[in-house]
Amino acid sequence: MAKITWKPGTMLYPVPAVMVSCRYEDIDNIITIAWAGTVCTNPPMVSISIRPERYSYELIKKSGEFVINLPGKDLAFATDYCGVKSGRDIDKFQILNLTKEKASVVNVPIIKEAPVAIECKVKDIISLGSHDMFIAEVVAVNVDENLLDESGKLHLDKAELICYNHGQYCVAKDSLGKFGFSVEKKKKKNSKHK
């Protein structure tokens, strides 16, 4: 099938839809971000990109900390709301009835209702154009214990995390294979002849 060429744009979909909580002094806020990603394994580092005019931009820049909360499908409404309403005008925690939970390392609240919370400390800010990229080190990861099995293995699929796919929120759930399945050696069947 033929492809049609469009002008350059951000067509790298789907992407995580995350709720980033932030705090500066006594002000708490939540901003929804789709421009978030992993940038390094060791040390563990992530990035979020924010327009400088957004309310959370200054809160994060001044505090040097934030928490990436990964929302499940039950937080789809809140995720969208936190992306279209400004914390300059409202208290999103209060309006959405979200619970602030104390983080283990940073001085930023975790959203208790989110199944995963990634605590981050800003290491660098890079001005790119419409957005500035905050590169941050992951200093703690908090996971709901109901996502762990008896042996402590994480089953993130149970969280029914949402992603953003070209204007739509979707659930990222179905597994098509584990990492490395394409080169995994097939197990030989144990056949005994009688």
Protein backbone atom coordinates (compact mmCIF):
# COMPACT_ATOMS: atom_id res chain seq x y z
CA MET A 1 0.00 0.00 0.00
CA ALA A 2 1.31 3.46 -0.88
CA LYS A 3 2.22 5.96 1.84
CA ILE A 4 1.31 9.65 1.75
CA THR A 5 3.98 12.11 2.90
CA TRP A 6 2.88 14.72 5.42
CA LYS A 7 4.76 17.71 6.79
CA PRO A 8 7.07 16.95 9.74
CA GLY A 9 5.20 16.45 13.00
CA THR A 10 5.04 14.48 16.22
CA MET A 11 3.63 11.20 14.93
CA LEU A 12 5.42 8.88 17.35
CA TYR A 13 2.35 7.17 18.83
CA PRO A 14 1.20 5.73 21.14
CA VAL A 15 2.87 7.53 24.03
CA PRO A 16 2.37 7.31 27.79
CA ALA A 17 -0.34 9.59 29.17
CA VAL A 18 1.05 10.49 32.60
CA MET A 19 -0.11 12.66 35.46
CA VAL A 20 2.85 14.62 36.77
CA SER A 21 2.43 15.90 40.30
CA CYS A 22 4.53 18.82 41.46
CA ARG A 23 4.97 21.09 44.47
CA TYR A 24 6.68 24.35 45.19
CA GLU A 25 6.44 25.72 48.73
CA ASP A 26 2.76 25.15 49.65
CA ILE A 27 1.39 24.85 46.10
CA ASP A 28 0.56 21.39 44.72
CA ASN A 29 -0.53 20.73 41.16
CA ILE A 30 -1.00 18.00 38.55
CA ILE A 31 -0.23 18.36 34.86
CA THR A 32 -0.99 15.73 32.24
CA ILE A 33 1.92 15.11 29.90
CA ALA A 34 2.13 12.93 26.80
CA TRP A 35 5.71 13.94 25.99
CA ALA A 36 7.40 11.69 28.55
CA GLY A 37 9.95 8.97 28.11
CA THR A 38 12.92 6.95 29.30
CA VAL A 39 16.32 8.41 28.45
CA CYS A 40 18.84 6.26 30.38
CA THR A 41 19.00 2.95 32.23
CA ASN A 42 21.97 3.53 34.52
CA PRO A 43 21.44 5.87 36.23
CA PRO A 44 17.70 5.55 35.65
CA MET A 45 16.59 8.76 33.95
CA VAL A 46 13.40 10.02 32.33
CA SER A 47 12.28 13.14 30.54
CA ILE A 48 9.13 15.23 30.44
CA SER A 49 8.58 18.13 28.06
CA ILE A 50 6.50 21.12 29.12
CA ARG A 51 5.59 24.43 27.50
CA PRO A 52 7.13 27.28 29.56
CA GLU A 53 3.75 29.04 29.82
CA ARG A 54 2.17 26.09 31.67
CA TYR A 55 1.57 26.64 35.39
CA SER A 56 3.48 23.50 36.46
CA TYR A 57 6.56 24.56 34.50
CA GLU A 58 7.69 27.09 37.13
CA LEU A 59 6.71 24.85 40.04
CA ILE A 60 8.96 22.06 38.71
CA LYS A 61 11.74 24.43 37.66
CA LYS A 62 11.85 26.05 41.12
CA SER A 63 11.55 22.84 43.17
CA GLY A 64 13.68 20.61 40.93
CA GLU A 65 11.38 17.65 41.66
CA PHE A 66 8.29 15.95 40.29
CA VAL A 67 6.47 12.61 40.34
CA ILE A 68 5.34 10.78 37.21
CA ASN A 69 2.10 9.00 38.15
CA LEU A 70 1.04 6.29 35.70
CA PRO A 71 -2.77 6.28 35.53
CA GLY A 72 -4.96 3.24 35.00
CA LYS A 73 -8.13 3.41 32.94
CA ASP A 74 -10.16 4.45 35.98
CA LEU A 75 -8.19 7.72 35.95
CA ALA A 76 -8.86 8.53 32.26
CA PHE A 77 -11.25 11.39 33.10
CA ALA A 78 -8.83 12.87 35.66
CA THR A 79 -5.92 12.49 33.24
CA ASP A 80 -7.74 14.43 30.55
CA TYR A 81 -9.02 17.05 33.03
CA CYS A 82 -5.53 17.73 34.39
CA GLY A 83 -4.37 18.36 30.83
CA VAL A 84 -7.03 20.90 29.91
CA LYS A 85 -7.56 22.80 33.19
CA SER A 86 -4.96 25.07 34.76
CA GLY A 87 -3.79 24.83 38.35
CA ARG A 88 -3.65 28.64 38.36
CA ASP A 89 -7.42 28.62 38.71
CA ILE A 90 -8.31 25.42 40.59
CA ASP A 91 -7.05 22.78 43.01
CA LYS A 92 -7.09 19.65 40.83
CA PHE A 93 -6.52 17.30 43.78
CA GLN A 94 -9.62 18.68 45.50
CA ILE A 95 -11.90 18.92 42.46
CA LEU A 96 -11.04 15.40 41.25
CA ASN A 97 -11.08 13.96 44.78
CA LEU A 98 -7.54 12.61 44.37
CA THR A 99 -5.57 11.59 47.44
CA LYS A 100 -2.16 13.11 48.15
CA GLU A 101 0.24 10.50 49.46
CA LYS A 102 3.68 11.25 50.85
CA ALA A 103 6.52 10.33 48.50
CA SER A 104 9.46 8.33 49.86
CA VAL A 105 12.27 10.63 48.64
CA VAL A 106 11.00 13.84 47.01
CA ASN A 107 8.86 16.55 48.60
CA VAL A 108 6.07 16.15 46.05
CA PRO A 109 2.78 14.32 46.60
CA ILE A 110 2.09 11.00 44.92
CA ILE A 111 -1.40 10.45 43.52
CA LYS A 112 -2.56 7.50 45.62
CA GLU A 113 -5.11 6.36 43.03
CA ALA A 114 -2.39 5.91 40.37
CA PRO A 115 -0.95 2.35 40.45
CA VAL A 116 2.64 3.48 39.81
CA ALA A 117 4.47 6.62 40.94
CA ILE A 118 7.99 7.48 39.79
CA GLU A 119 9.81 10.02 41.96
CA CYS A 120 12.22 12.24 40.02
CA LYS A 121 14.88 14.90 40.61
CA VAL A 122 15.64 17.32 37.77
CA LYS A 123 19.20 17.15 36.43
CA ASP A 124 18.91 19.42 33.38
CA ILE A 125 16.45 21.55 31.44
CA ILE A 126 16.88 21.84 27.68
CA SER A 127 15.03 24.51 25.72
CA LEU A 128 13.89 22.92 22.44
CA GLY A 129 11.32 25.33 20.95
CA SER A 130 7.65 25.07 21.93
CA HIS A 131 8.62 22.81 24.89
CA ASP A 132 11.47 22.60 27.36
CA MET A 133 12.67 19.11 28.26
CA PHE A 134 13.23 18.33 31.94
CA ILE A 135 15.72 15.48 32.23
CA ALA A 136 15.49 13.86 35.64
CA GLU A 137 16.96 11.02 37.64
CA VAL A 138 14.54 8.46 39.04
CA VAL A 139 15.12 8.33 42.79
CA ALA A 140 12.27 5.97 43.77
CA VAL A 141 9.49 3.89 42.20
CA ASN A 142 6.29 3.16 44.10
CA VAL A 143 4.03 0.31 42.92
CA ASP A 144 0.66 -0.84 44.24
CA GLU A 145 1.25 -4.15 45.98
CA ASN A 146 -1.81 -5.72 44.29
CA LEU A 147 0.23 -5.67 41.05
CA LEU A 148 2.74 -8.13 42.55
CA ASP A 149 2.33 -11.89 42.65
CA GLU A 150 3.34 -14.15 45.58
CA SER A 151 6.97 -14.19 44.40
CA GLY A 152 7.13 -10.38 44.12
CA LYS A 153 7.01 -10.30 40.30
CA LEU A 154 5.36 -7.19 38.87
CA HIS A 155 2.34 -7.71 36.61
CA LEU A 156 1.94 -4.22 35.15
CA ASP A 157 -0.75 -5.42 32.73
CA LYS A 158 -3.12 -5.64 35.71
CA ALA A 159 -2.85 -1.86 36.11
CA GLU A 160 -4.57 -1.27 32.76
CA LEU A 161 -2.37 1.76 32.13
CA ILE A 162 -3.55 4.30 29.60
CA CYS A 163 -1.68 5.77 26.68
CA TYR A 164 -2.36 8.61 24.26
CA ASN A 165 -2.70 7.64 20.61
CA HIS A 166 -3.19 10.51 18.12
CA GLY A 167 -5.94 12.32 20.03
CA GLN A 168 -7.40 9.30 21.85
CA TYR A 169 -6.81 7.70 25.25
CA CYS A 170 -6.39 3.93 25.05
CA VAL A 171 -5.63 1.07 27.43
CA ALA A 172 -2.23 -0.55 26.95
CA LYS A 173 -2.89 -4.13 28.01
CA ASP A 174 -2.71 -6.99 25.50
CA SER A 175 0.60 -8.83 25.39
CA LEU A 176 1.94 -9.92 22.01
CA GLY A 177 5.06 -11.56 23.44
CA LYS A 178 7.75 -10.91 26.02
CA PHE A 179 11.02 -9.14 25.27
CA GLY A 180 13.24 -11.48 23.26
CA PHE A 181 10.46 -13.84 22.18
CA SER A 182 11.50 -13.52 18.53
CA VAL A 183 14.85 -15.20 19.18
CA GLU A 184 13.86 -17.48 22.03
CA LYS A 185 14.74 -21.14 21.54
CA LYS A 186 11.76 -23.41 21.39
CA LYS A 187 11.48 -25.90 24.22
CA LYS A 188 11.77 -29.48 23.06
CA LYS A 189 8.91 -31.72 23.95
CA ASN A 190 9.88 -34.62 26.14
CA SER A 191 8.70 -37.59 24.18
CA LYS A 192 9.16 -41.10 25.47
CA HIS A 193 8.56 -44.03 23.17
CA LYS A 194 6.90 -47.04 24.69
